[in-house]
Amino acid sequence: MDLTAVATVGFKGFDDVALTPGERQMIDGLPAGNRRVARARLWARKEALVKALGTGFSDRGPDAVEVLSDHRVTDLLSVGDESLEPLGLVAAVAVVAVGP
């Protein structure tokens, strides 16, 4: 699981170092007001996935981890009864099968 503050992904150059070409294209197609939350959601998905895989980003950069349609990753919109987005947060969880 990963919890990300939306404010942390707003820096210049984030898309170039953290997103795949397909993810950048998706972000560019959104209204400007929706882009920061979408970036944070993609980042939370990436972090959740590489944590579940047990690799982190040691074997590849975040711009090589495509999560747009990875069915192992699910967005979490709330925790308990608390909605995350009004708090400036997004979260994702990944489940990866291991073993035979």
PDB file of N, CA and C in Angstrom:
ATOM      1  N   MET A   1       0.846  -1.175   0.000  1.00  0.00           N
ATOM      2  CA  MET A   1       0.000   0.000   0.000  1.00  0.00           C
ATOM      3  C   MET A   1       0.886   1.232   0.000  1.00  0.00           C
ATOM      4  N   ASP A   2       0.374   2.281  -0.612  1.00  0.00           N
ATOM      5  CA  ASP A   2       1.086   3.550  -0.572  1.00  0.00           C
ATOM      6  C   ASP A   2       0.086   4.680  -0.387  1.00  0.00           C
ATOM      7  N   LEU A   3       0.457   5.641   0.415  1.00  0.00           N
ATOM      8  CA  LEU A   3      -0.314   6.853   0.659  1.00  0.00           C
ATOM      9  C   LEU A   3       0.550   8.014   0.208  1.00  0.00           C
ATOM     10  N   THR A   4       0.008   8.860  -0.664  1.00  0.00           N
ATOM     11  CA  THR A   4       0.780   9.961  -1.233  1.00  0.00           C
ATOM     12  C   THR A   4       0.046  11.281  -1.036  1.00  0.00           C
ATOM     13  N   ALA A   5       0.780  12.298  -0.627  1.00  0.00           N
ATOM     14  CA  ALA A   5       0.230  13.648  -0.547  1.00  0.00           C
ATOM     15  C   ALA A   5       0.258  14.260  -1.938  1.00  0.00           C
ATOM     16  N   VAL A   6      -0.863  14.778  -2.383  1.00  0.00           N
ATOM     17  CA  VAL A   6      -0.968  15.354  -3.721  1.00  0.00           C
ATOM     18  C   VAL A   6       0.068  16.459  -3.920  1.00  0.00           C
ATOM     19  N   ALA A   7       0.332  17.236  -2.902  1.00  0.00           N
ATOM     20  CA  ALA A   7       1.266  18.359  -3.004  1.00  0.00           C
ATOM     21  C   ALA A   7       2.693  17.929  -3.345  1.00  0.00           C
ATOM     22  N   THR A   8       3.054  16.676  -3.081  1.00  0.00           N
ATOM     23  CA  THR A   8       4.438  16.248  -3.286  1.00  0.00           C
ATOM     24  C   THR A   8       4.787  15.949  -4.733  1.00  0.00           C
ATOM     25  N   VAL A   9       3.798  15.888  -5.617  1.00  0.00           N
ATOM     26  CA  VAL A   9       4.084  15.530  -7.012  1.00  0.00           C
ATOM     27  C   VAL A   9       3.962  16.717  -7.954  1.00  0.00           C
ATOM     28  N   GLY A  10       3.868  17.905  -7.427  1.00  0.00           N
ATOM     29  CA  GLY A  10       3.664  19.077  -8.266  1.00  0.00           C
ATOM     30  C   GLY A  10       4.927  19.756  -8.755  1.00  0.00           C
ATOM     31  N   PHE A  11       6.088  19.164  -8.530  1.00  0.00           N
ATOM     32  CA  PHE A  11       7.318  19.861  -8.907  1.00  0.00           C
ATOM     33  C   PHE A  11       7.595  19.747 -10.402  1.00  0.00           C
ATOM     34  N   LYS A  12       8.294  20.741 -10.917  1.00  0.00           N
ATOM     35  CA  LYS A  12       8.653  20.780 -12.333  1.00  0.00           C
ATOM     36  C   LYS A  12       9.546  19.586 -12.673  1.00  0.00           C
ATOM     37  N   GLY A  13       9.214  18.897 -13.739  1.00  0.00           N
ATOM     38  CA  GLY A  13       9.998  17.760 -14.186  1.00  0.00           C
ATOM     39  C   GLY A  13       9.498  16.421 -13.668  1.00  0.00           C
ATOM     40  N   PHE A  14       8.486  16.434 -12.786  1.00  0.00           N
ATOM     41  CA  PHE A  14       7.975  15.179 -12.224  1.00  0.00           C
ATOM     42  C   PHE A  14       7.573  14.209 -13.329  1.00  0.00           C
ATOM     43  N   ASP A  15       6.805  14.693 -14.295  1.00  0.00           N
ATOM     44  CA  ASP A  15       6.312  13.807 -15.355  1.00  0.00           C
ATOM     45  C   ASP A  15       7.457  13.134 -16.101  1.00  0.00           C
ATOM     46  N   ASP A  16       8.532  13.869 -16.345  1.00  0.00           N
ATOM     47  CA  ASP A  16       9.656  13.325 -17.110  1.00  0.00           C
ATOM     48  C   ASP A  16      10.388  12.206 -16.380  1.00  0.00           C
ATOM     49  N   VAL A  17      10.473  12.288 -15.071  1.00  0.00           N
ATOM     50  CA  VAL A  17      11.221  11.274 -14.332  1.00  0.00           C
ATOM     51  C   VAL A  17      10.348  10.171 -13.762  1.00  0.00           C
ATOM     52  N   ALA A  18       9.037  10.425 -13.619  1.00  0.00           N
ATOM     53  CA  ALA A  18       8.197   9.470 -12.908  1.00  0.00           C
ATOM     54  C   ALA A  18       7.150   8.760 -13.765  1.00  0.00           C
ATOM     55  N   LEU A  19       6.831   9.307 -14.936  1.00  0.00           N
ATOM     56  CA  LEU A  19       5.726   8.750 -15.714  1.00  0.00           C
ATOM     57  C   LEU A  19       6.186   8.155 -17.036  1.00  0.00           C
ATOM     58  N   THR A  20       5.490   7.112 -17.461  1.00  0.00           N
ATOM     59  CA  THR A  20       5.753   6.521 -18.773  1.00  0.00           C
ATOM     60  C   THR A  20       5.147   7.435 -19.842  1.00  0.00           C
ATOM     61  N   PRO A  21       5.530   7.258 -21.109  1.00  0.00           N
ATOM     62  CA  PRO A  21       4.917   8.072 -22.172  1.00  0.00           C
ATOM     63  C   PRO A  21       3.386   7.975 -22.187  1.00  0.00           C
ATOM     64  N   GLY A  22       2.829   6.793 -21.984  1.00  0.00           N
ATOM     65  CA  GLY A  22       1.374   6.638 -21.960  1.00  0.00           C
ATOM     66  C   GLY A  22       0.728   7.371 -20.798  1.00  0.00           C
ATOM     67  N   GLU A  23       1.383   7.344 -19.649  1.00  0.00           N
ATOM     68  CA  GLU A  23       0.862   8.056 -18.481  1.00  0.00           C
ATOM     69  C   GLU A  23       0.935   9.566 -18.697  1.00  0.00           C
ATOM     70  N   ARG A  24       2.030  10.041 -19.291  1.00  0.00           N
ATOM     71  CA  ARG A  24       2.138  11.479 -19.597  1.00  0.00           C
ATOM     72  C   ARG A  24       1.042  11.900 -20.561  1.00  0.00           C
ATOM     73  N   GLN A  25       0.755  11.079 -21.552  1.00  0.00           N
ATOM     74  CA  GLN A  25      -0.297  11.392 -22.523  1.00  0.00           C
ATOM     75  C   GLN A  25      -1.657  11.466 -21.826  1.00  0.00           C
ATOM     76  N   MET A  26      -1.916  10.541 -20.919  1.00  0.00           N
ATOM     77  CA  MET A  26      -3.178  10.563 -20.178  1.00  0.00           C
ATOM     78  C   MET A  26      -3.290  11.839 -19.349  1.00  0.00           C
ATOM     79  N   ILE A  27      -2.220  12.204 -18.652  1.00  0.00           N
ATOM     80  CA  ILE A  27      -2.216  13.425 -17.834  1.00  0.00           C
ATOM     81  C   ILE A  27      -2.457  14.650 -18.715  1.00  0.00           C
ATOM     82  N   ASP A  28      -1.776  14.725 -19.851  1.00  0.00           N
ATOM     83  CA  ASP A  28      -1.925  15.867 -20.752  1.00  0.00           C
ATOM     84  C   ASP A  28      -3.347  16.003 -21.281  1.00  0.00           C
ATOM     85  N   GLY A  29      -4.090  14.899 -21.335  1.00  0.00           N
ATOM     86  CA  GLY A  29      -5.462  14.930 -21.834  1.00  0.00           C
ATOM     87  C   GLY A  29      -6.493  15.357 -20.804  1.00  0.00           C
ATOM     88  N   LEU A  30      -6.060  15.530 -19.567  1.00  0.00           N
ATOM     89  CA  LEU A  30      -6.985  15.920 -18.500  1.00  0.00           C
ATOM     90  C   LEU A  30      -7.087  17.439 -18.380  1.00  0.00           C
ATOM     91  N   PRO A  31      -8.200  17.934 -17.855  1.00  0.00           N
ATOM     92  CA  PRO A  31      -8.276  19.364 -17.532  1.00  0.00           C
ATOM     93  C   PRO A  31      -7.185  19.703 -16.517  1.00  0.00           C
ATOM     94  N   ALA A  32      -6.626  20.898 -16.623  1.00  0.00           N
ATOM     95  CA  ALA A  32      -5.508  21.304 -15.767  1.00  0.00           C
ATOM     96  C   ALA A  32      -5.802  21.098 -14.281  1.00  0.00           C
ATOM     97  N   GLY A  33      -7.027  21.322 -13.847  1.00  0.00           N
ATOM     98  CA  GLY A  33      -7.380  21.193 -12.442  1.00  0.00           C
ATOM     99  C   GLY A  33      -7.368  19.770 -11.916  1.00  0.00           C
ATOM    100  N   ASN A  34      -7.356  18.793 -12.806  1.00  0.00           N
ATOM    101  CA  ASN A  34      -7.371  17.382 -12.388  1.00  0.00           C
ATOM    102  C   ASN A  34      -6.003  16.722 -12.456  1.00  0.00           C
ATOM    103  N   ARG A  35      -5.021  17.408 -12.976  1.00  0.00           N
ATOM    104  CA  ARG A  35      -3.722  16.774 -13.242  1.00  0.00           C
ATOM    105  C   ARG A  35      -2.931  16.427 -11.992  1.00  0.00           C
ATOM    106  N   ARG A  36      -2.933  17.288 -10.988  1.00  0.00           N
ATOM    107  CA  ARG A  36      -2.129  16.994  -9.795  1.00  0.00           C
ATOM    108  C   ARG A  36      -2.624  15.751  -9.067  1.00  0.00           C
ATOM    109  N   VAL A  37      -3.929  15.614  -8.918  1.00  0.00           N
ATOM    110  CA  VAL A  37      -4.470  14.422  -8.252  1.00  0.00           C
ATOM    111  C   VAL A  37      -4.165  13.188  -9.090  1.00  0.00           C
ATOM    112  N   ALA A  38      -4.291  13.296 -10.410  1.00  0.00           N
ATOM    113  CA  ALA A  38      -4.000  12.153 -11.285  1.00  0.00           C
ATOM    114  C   ALA A  38      -2.528  11.759 -11.192  1.00  0.00           C
ATOM    115  N   ARG A  39      -1.629  12.741 -11.157  1.00  0.00           N
ATOM    116  CA  ARG A  39      -0.194  12.442 -10.984  1.00  0.00           C
ATOM    117  C   ARG A  39       0.049  11.716  -9.665  1.00  0.00           C
ATOM    118  N   ALA A  40      -0.536  12.224  -8.602  1.00  0.00           N
ATOM    119  CA  ALA A  40      -0.353  11.613  -7.284  1.00  0.00           C
ATOM    120  C   ALA A  40      -0.909  10.195  -7.276  1.00  0.00           C
ATOM    121  N   ARG A  41      -2.037   9.989  -7.924  1.00  0.00           N
ATOM    122  CA  ARG A  41      -2.636   8.658  -7.979  1.00  0.00           C
ATOM    123  C   ARG A  41      -1.721   7.685  -8.720  1.00  0.00           C
ATOM    124  N   LEU A  42      -1.146   8.135  -9.842  1.00  0.00           N
ATOM    125  CA  LEU A  42      -0.202   7.284 -10.579  1.00  0.00           C
ATOM    126  C   LEU A  42       1.011   6.957  -9.714  1.00  0.00           C
ATOM    127  N   TRP A  43       1.520   7.950  -8.996  1.00  0.00           N
ATOM    128  CA  TRP A  43       2.688   7.715  -8.143  1.00  0.00           C
ATOM    129  C   TRP A  43       2.356   6.724  -7.033  1.00  0.00           C
ATOM    130  N   ALA A  44       1.205   6.881  -6.391  1.00  0.00           N
ATOM    131  CA  ALA A  44       0.800   5.948  -5.340  1.00  0.00           C
ATOM    132  C   ALA A  44       0.682   4.535  -5.899  1.00  0.00           C
ATOM    133  N   ARG A  45       0.144   4.407  -7.097  1.00  0.00           N
ATOM    134  CA  ARG A  45       0.029   3.091  -7.732  1.00  0.00           C
ATOM    135  C   ARG A  45       1.404   2.479  -7.970  1.00  0.00           C
ATOM    136  N   LYS A  46       2.333   3.289  -8.488  1.00  0.00           N
ATOM    137  CA  LYS A  46       3.687   2.787  -8.762  1.00  0.00           C
ATOM    138  C   LYS A  46       4.359   2.323  -7.470  1.00  0.00           C
ATOM    139  N   GLU A  47       4.282   3.159  -6.443  1.00  0.00           N
ATOM    140  CA  GLU A  47       4.903   2.816  -5.161  1.00  0.00           C
ATOM    141  C   GLU A  47       4.282   1.546  -4.579  1.00  0.00           C
ATOM    142  N   ALA A  48       2.963   1.449  -4.627  1.00  0.00           N
ATOM    143  CA  ALA A  48       2.299   0.253  -4.101  1.00  0.00           C
ATOM    144  C   ALA A  48       2.739  -0.994  -4.859  1.00  0.00           C
ATOM    145  N   LEU A  49       2.848  -0.881  -6.181  1.00  0.00           N
ATOM    146  CA  LEU A  49       3.219  -2.042  -6.990  1.00  0.00           C
ATOM    147  C   LEU A  49       4.650  -2.494  -6.723  1.00  0.00           C
ATOM    148  N   VAL A  50       5.603  -1.563  -6.720  1.00  0.00           N
ATOM    149  CA  VAL A  50       6.991  -1.995  -6.520  1.00  0.00           C
ATOM    150  C   VAL A  50       7.235  -2.481  -5.092  1.00  0.00           C
ATOM    151  N   LYS A  51       6.468  -1.972  -4.137  1.00  0.00           N
ATOM    152  CA  LYS A  51       6.549  -2.501  -2.774  1.00  0.00           C
ATOM    153  C   LYS A  51       6.023  -3.936  -2.745  1.00  0.00           C
ATOM    154  N   ALA A  52       4.893  -4.172  -3.408  1.00  0.00           N
ATOM    155  CA  ALA A  52       4.319  -5.520  -3.429  1.00  0.00           C
ATOM    156  C   ALA A  52       5.236  -6.503  -4.152  1.00  0.00           C
ATOM    157  N   LEU A  53       5.927  -6.037  -5.177  1.00  0.00           N
ATOM    158  CA  LEU A  53       6.868  -6.889  -5.904  1.00  0.00           C
ATOM    159  C   LEU A  53       8.132  -7.154  -5.087  1.00  0.00           C
ATOM    160  N   GLY A  54       8.393  -6.272  -4.122  1.00  0.00           N
ATOM    161  CA  GLY A  54       9.574  -6.428  -3.272  1.00  0.00           C
ATOM    162  C   GLY A  54      10.847  -5.893  -3.897  1.00  0.00           C
ATOM    163  N   THR A  55      10.726  -5.121  -4.961  1.00  0.00           N
ATOM    164  CA  THR A  55      11.906  -4.622  -5.662  1.00  0.00           C
ATOM    165  C   THR A  55      12.181  -3.147  -5.438  1.00  0.00           C
ATOM    166  N   GLY A  56      11.166  -2.403  -5.053  1.00  0.00           N
ATOM    167  CA  GLY A  56      11.313  -0.962  -5.059  1.00  0.00           C
ATOM    168  C   GLY A  56      11.649  -0.536  -6.479  1.00  0.00           C
ATOM    169  N   PHE A  57      12.355   0.561  -6.601  1.00  0.00           N
ATOM    170  CA  PHE A  57      12.782   1.010  -7.926  1.00  0.00           C
ATOM    171  C   PHE A  57      14.239   0.630  -8.183  1.00  0.00           C
ATOM    172  N   SER A  58      14.740  -0.387  -7.480  1.00  0.00           N
ATOM    173  CA  SER A  58      16.141  -0.770  -7.617  1.00  0.00           C
ATOM    174  C   SER A  58      16.471  -1.368  -8.977  1.00  0.00           C
ATOM    175  N   ASP A  59      15.493  -1.982  -9.627  1.00  0.00           N
ATOM    176  CA  ASP A  59      15.769  -2.630 -10.908  1.00  0.00           C
ATOM    177  C   ASP A  59      15.258  -1.846 -12.107  1.00  0.00           C
ATOM    178  N   ARG A  60      14.596  -0.719 -11.869  1.00  0.00           N
ATOM    179  CA  ARG A  60      14.083   0.126 -12.956  1.00  0.00           C
ATOM    180  C   ARG A  60      13.621   1.447 -12.369  1.00  0.00           C
ATOM    181  N   GLY A  61      13.608   2.462 -13.208  1.00  0.00           N
ATOM    182  CA  GLY A  61      13.137   3.766 -12.776  1.00  0.00           C
ATOM    183  C   GLY A  61      11.627   3.829 -12.802  1.00  0.00           C
ATOM    184  N   PRO A  62      11.050   4.786 -12.100  1.00  0.00           N
ATOM    185  CA  PRO A  62       9.595   4.903 -12.084  1.00  0.00           C
ATOM    186  C   PRO A  62       9.001   5.162 -13.466  1.00  0.00           C
ATOM    187  N   ASP A  63       9.781   5.772 -14.357  1.00  0.00           N
ATOM    188  CA  ASP A  63       9.277   6.033 -15.708  1.00  0.00           C
ATOM    189  C   ASP A  63       9.190   4.762 -16.550  1.00  0.00           C
ATOM    190  N   ALA A  64       9.602   3.626 -15.989  1.00  0.00           N
ATOM    191  CA  ALA A  64       9.500   2.336 -16.681  1.00  0.00           C
ATOM    192  C   ALA A  64       8.431   1.437 -16.064  1.00  0.00           C
ATOM    193  N   VAL A  65       7.737   1.938 -15.049  1.00  0.00           N
ATOM    194  CA  VAL A  65       6.690   1.159 -14.387  1.00  0.00           C
ATOM    195  C   VAL A  65       5.343   1.705 -14.839  1.00  0.00           C
ATOM    196  N   GLU A  66       4.668   0.969 -15.689  1.00  0.00           N
ATOM    197  CA  GLU A  66       3.371   1.380 -16.258  1.00  0.00           C
ATOM    198  C   GLU A  66       2.243   0.856 -15.374  1.00  0.00           C
ATOM    199  N   VAL A  67       1.400   1.753 -14.858  1.00  0.00           N
ATOM    200  CA  VAL A  67       0.325   1.321 -13.966  1.00  0.00           C
ATOM    201  C   VAL A  67      -1.072   1.751 -14.415  1.00  0.00           C
ATOM    202  N   LEU A  68      -1.174   2.306 -15.596  1.00  0.00           N
ATOM    203  CA  LEU A  68      -2.491   2.768 -16.051  1.00  0.00           C
ATOM    204  C   LEU A  68      -3.525   1.655 -16.065  1.00  0.00           C
ATOM    205  N   SER A  69      -3.149   0.495 -16.546  1.00  0.00           N
ATOM    206  CA  SER A  69      -4.128  -0.591 -16.643  1.00  0.00           C
ATOM    207  C   SER A  69      -3.635  -1.865 -15.965  1.00  0.00           C
ATOM    208  N   ASP A  70      -2.804  -1.709 -14.949  1.00  0.00           N
ATOM    209  CA  ASP A  70      -2.303  -2.868 -14.216  1.00  0.00           C
ATOM    210  C   ASP A  70      -3.363  -3.296 -13.200  1.00  0.00           C
ATOM    211  N   HIS A  71      -3.950  -4.456 -13.419  1.00  0.00           N
ATOM    212  CA  HIS A  71      -5.057  -4.923 -12.588  1.00  0.00           C
ATOM    213  C   HIS A  71      -4.623  -5.410 -11.207  1.00  0.00           C
ATOM    214  N   ARG A  72      -3.326  -5.411 -10.947  1.00  0.00           N
ATOM    215  CA  ARG A  72      -2.840  -5.784  -9.615  1.00  0.00           C
ATOM    216  C   ARG A  72      -2.935  -4.616  -8.638  1.00  0.00           C
ATOM    217  N   VAL A  73      -3.227  -3.418  -9.169  1.00  0.00           N
ATOM    218  CA  VAL A  73      -3.228  -2.197  -8.364  1.00  0.00           C
ATOM    219  C   VAL A  73      -4.643  -1.615  -8.317  1.00  0.00           C
ATOM    220  N   THR A  74      -5.057  -1.222  -7.112  1.00  0.00           N
ATOM    221  CA  THR A  74      -6.384  -0.632  -6.919  1.00  0.00           C
ATOM    222  C   THR A  74      -6.244   0.663  -6.137  1.00  0.00           C
ATOM    223  N   ASP A  75      -6.950   1.690  -6.578  1.00  0.00           N
ATOM    224  CA  ASP A  75      -6.975   2.952  -5.846  1.00  0.00           C
ATOM    225  C   ASP A  75      -7.836   2.798  -4.601  1.00  0.00           C
ATOM    226  N   LEU A  76      -7.401   3.421  -3.516  1.00  0.00           N
ATOM    227  CA  LEU A  76      -8.202   3.494  -2.299  1.00  0.00           C
ATOM    228  C   LEU A  76      -8.718   4.919  -2.183  1.00  0.00           C
ATOM    229  N   LEU A  77     -10.014   5.090  -2.181  1.00  0.00           N
ATOM    230  CA  LEU A  77     -10.593   6.428  -2.120  1.00  0.00           C
ATOM    231  C   LEU A  77     -10.823   6.901  -0.693  1.00  0.00           C
ATOM    232  N   SER A  78     -10.883   5.940   0.223  1.00  0.00           N
ATOM    233  CA  SER A  78     -11.100   6.289   1.621  1.00  0.00           C
ATOM    234  C   SER A  78     -10.442   5.244   2.507  1.00  0.00           C
ATOM    235  N   VAL A  79     -10.267   5.618   3.749  1.00  0.00           N
ATOM    236  CA  VAL A  79      -9.800   4.688   4.772  1.00  0.00           C
ATOM    237  C   VAL A  79     -10.835   4.773   5.887  1.00  0.00           C
ATOM    238  N   GLY A  80     -11.482   3.656   6.154  1.00  0.00           N
ATOM    239  CA  GLY A  80     -12.609   3.690   7.084  1.00  0.00           C
ATOM    240  C   GLY A  80     -13.681   4.588   6.492  1.00  0.00           C
ATOM    241  N   ASP A  81     -14.128   5.538   7.258  1.00  0.00           N
ATOM    242  CA  ASP A  81     -15.141   6.490   6.784  1.00  0.00           C
ATOM    243  C   ASP A  81     -14.534   7.800   6.300  1.00  0.00           C
ATOM    244  N   GLU A  82     -13.205   7.872   6.261  1.00  0.00           N
ATOM    245  CA  GLU A  82     -12.518   9.125   5.916  1.00  0.00           C
ATOM    246  C   GLU A  82     -12.140   9.144   4.440  1.00  0.00           C
ATOM    247  N   SER A  83     -12.717  10.076   3.683  1.00  0.00           N
ATOM    248  CA  SER A  83     -12.368  10.259   2.278  1.00  0.00           C
ATOM    249  C   SER A  83     -10.998  10.919   2.201  1.00  0.00           C
ATOM    250  N   LEU A  84     -10.112  10.384   1.356  1.00  0.00           N
ATOM    251  CA  LEU A  84      -8.726  10.856   1.318  1.00  0.00           C
ATOM    252  C   LEU A  84      -8.521  12.133   0.503  1.00  0.00           C
ATOM    253  N   GLU A  85      -9.178  12.239  -0.635  1.00  0.00           N
ATOM    254  CA  GLU A  85      -8.902  13.368  -1.525  1.00  0.00           C
ATOM    255  C   GLU A  85      -9.135  14.731  -0.873  1.00  0.00           C
ATOM    256  N   PRO A  86     -10.209  14.942  -0.103  1.00  0.00           N
ATOM    257  CA  PRO A  86     -10.357  16.245   0.572  1.00  0.00           C
ATOM    258  C   PRO A  86      -9.217  16.567   1.537  1.00  0.00           C
ATOM    259  N   LEU A  87      -8.500  15.544   1.970  1.00  0.00           N
ATOM    260  CA  LEU A  87      -7.352  15.735   2.859  1.00  0.00           C
ATOM    261  C   LEU A  87      -6.063  15.989   2.080  1.00  0.00           C
ATOM    262  N   GLY A  88      -6.167  15.990   0.747  1.00  0.00           N
ATOM    263  CA  GLY A  88      -4.975  16.168  -0.082  1.00  0.00           C
ATOM    264  C   GLY A  88      -4.161  14.907  -0.224  1.00  0.00           C
ATOM    265  N   LEU A  89      -4.803  13.754  -0.057  1.00  0.00           N
ATOM    266  CA  LEU A  89      -4.117  12.468  -0.105  1.00  0.00           C
ATOM    267  C   LEU A  89      -4.764  11.537  -1.129  1.00  0.00           C
ATOM    268  N   VAL A  90      -3.959  10.642  -1.648  1.00  0.00           N
ATOM    269  CA  VAL A  90      -4.440   9.537  -2.475  1.00  0.00           C
ATOM    270  C   VAL A  90      -3.725   8.280  -1.991  1.00  0.00           C
ATOM    271  N   ALA A  91      -4.320   7.117  -2.263  1.00  0.00           N
ATOM    272  CA  ALA A  91      -3.706   5.871  -1.829  1.00  0.00           C
ATOM    273  C   ALA A  91      -4.012   4.776  -2.834  1.00  0.00           C
ATOM    274  N   ALA A  92      -3.141   3.768  -2.842  1.00  0.00           N
ATOM    275  CA  ALA A  92      -3.325   2.602  -3.699  1.00  0.00           C
ATOM    276  C   ALA A  92      -2.799   1.389  -2.981  1.00  0.00           C
ATOM    277  N   VAL A  93      -3.328   0.236  -3.340  1.00  0.00           N
ATOM    278  CA  VAL A  93      -2.856  -1.029  -2.809  1.00  0.00           C
ATOM    279  C   VAL A  93      -2.616  -1.960  -3.992  1.00  0.00           C
ATOM    280  N   ALA A  94      -1.572  -2.770  -3.888  1.00  0.00           N
ATOM    281  CA  ALA A  94      -1.256  -3.741  -4.935  1.00  0.00           C
ATOM    282  C   ALA A  94      -1.186  -5.127  -4.316  1.00  0.00           C
ATOM    283  N   VAL A  95      -1.688  -6.092  -5.050  1.00  0.00           N
ATOM    284  CA  VAL A  95      -1.627  -7.495  -4.640  1.00  0.00           C
ATOM    285  C   VAL A  95      -0.946  -8.271  -5.750  1.00  0.00           C
ATOM    286  N   VAL A  96       0.155  -8.905  -5.416  1.00  0.00           N
ATOM    287  CA  VAL A  96       0.944  -9.639  -6.386  1.00  0.00           C
ATOM    288  C   VAL A  96       1.077 -11.072  -5.906  1.00  0.00           C
ATOM    289  N   ALA A  97       0.679 -12.014  -6.749  1.00  0.00           N
ATOM    290  CA  ALA A  97       0.794 -13.424  -6.398  1.00  0.00           C
ATOM    291  C   ALA A  97       2.270 -13.832  -6.402  1.00  0.00           C
ATOM    292  N   VAL A  98       2.654 -14.625  -5.416  1.00  0.00           N
ATOM    293  CA  VAL A  98       4.017 -15.141  -5.328  1.00  0.00           C
ATOM    294  C   VAL A  98       3.957 -16.661  -5.181  1.00  0.00           C
ATOM    295  N   GLY A  99       5.004 -17.282  -5.536  1.00  0.00           N
ATOM    296  CA  GLY A  99       5.095 -18.740  -5.398  1.00  0.00           C
ATOM    297  C   GLY A  99       4.536 -19.474  -6.609  1.00  0.00           C
ATOM    298  N   PRO A 100       4.485 -20.791  -6.515  1.00  0.00           N
ATOM    299  CA  PRO A 100       4.060 -21.605  -7.663  1.00  0.00           C
ATOM    300  C   PRO A 100       2.597 -21.506  -7.984  1.00  0.00           C
TER     301      PRO A 100
END
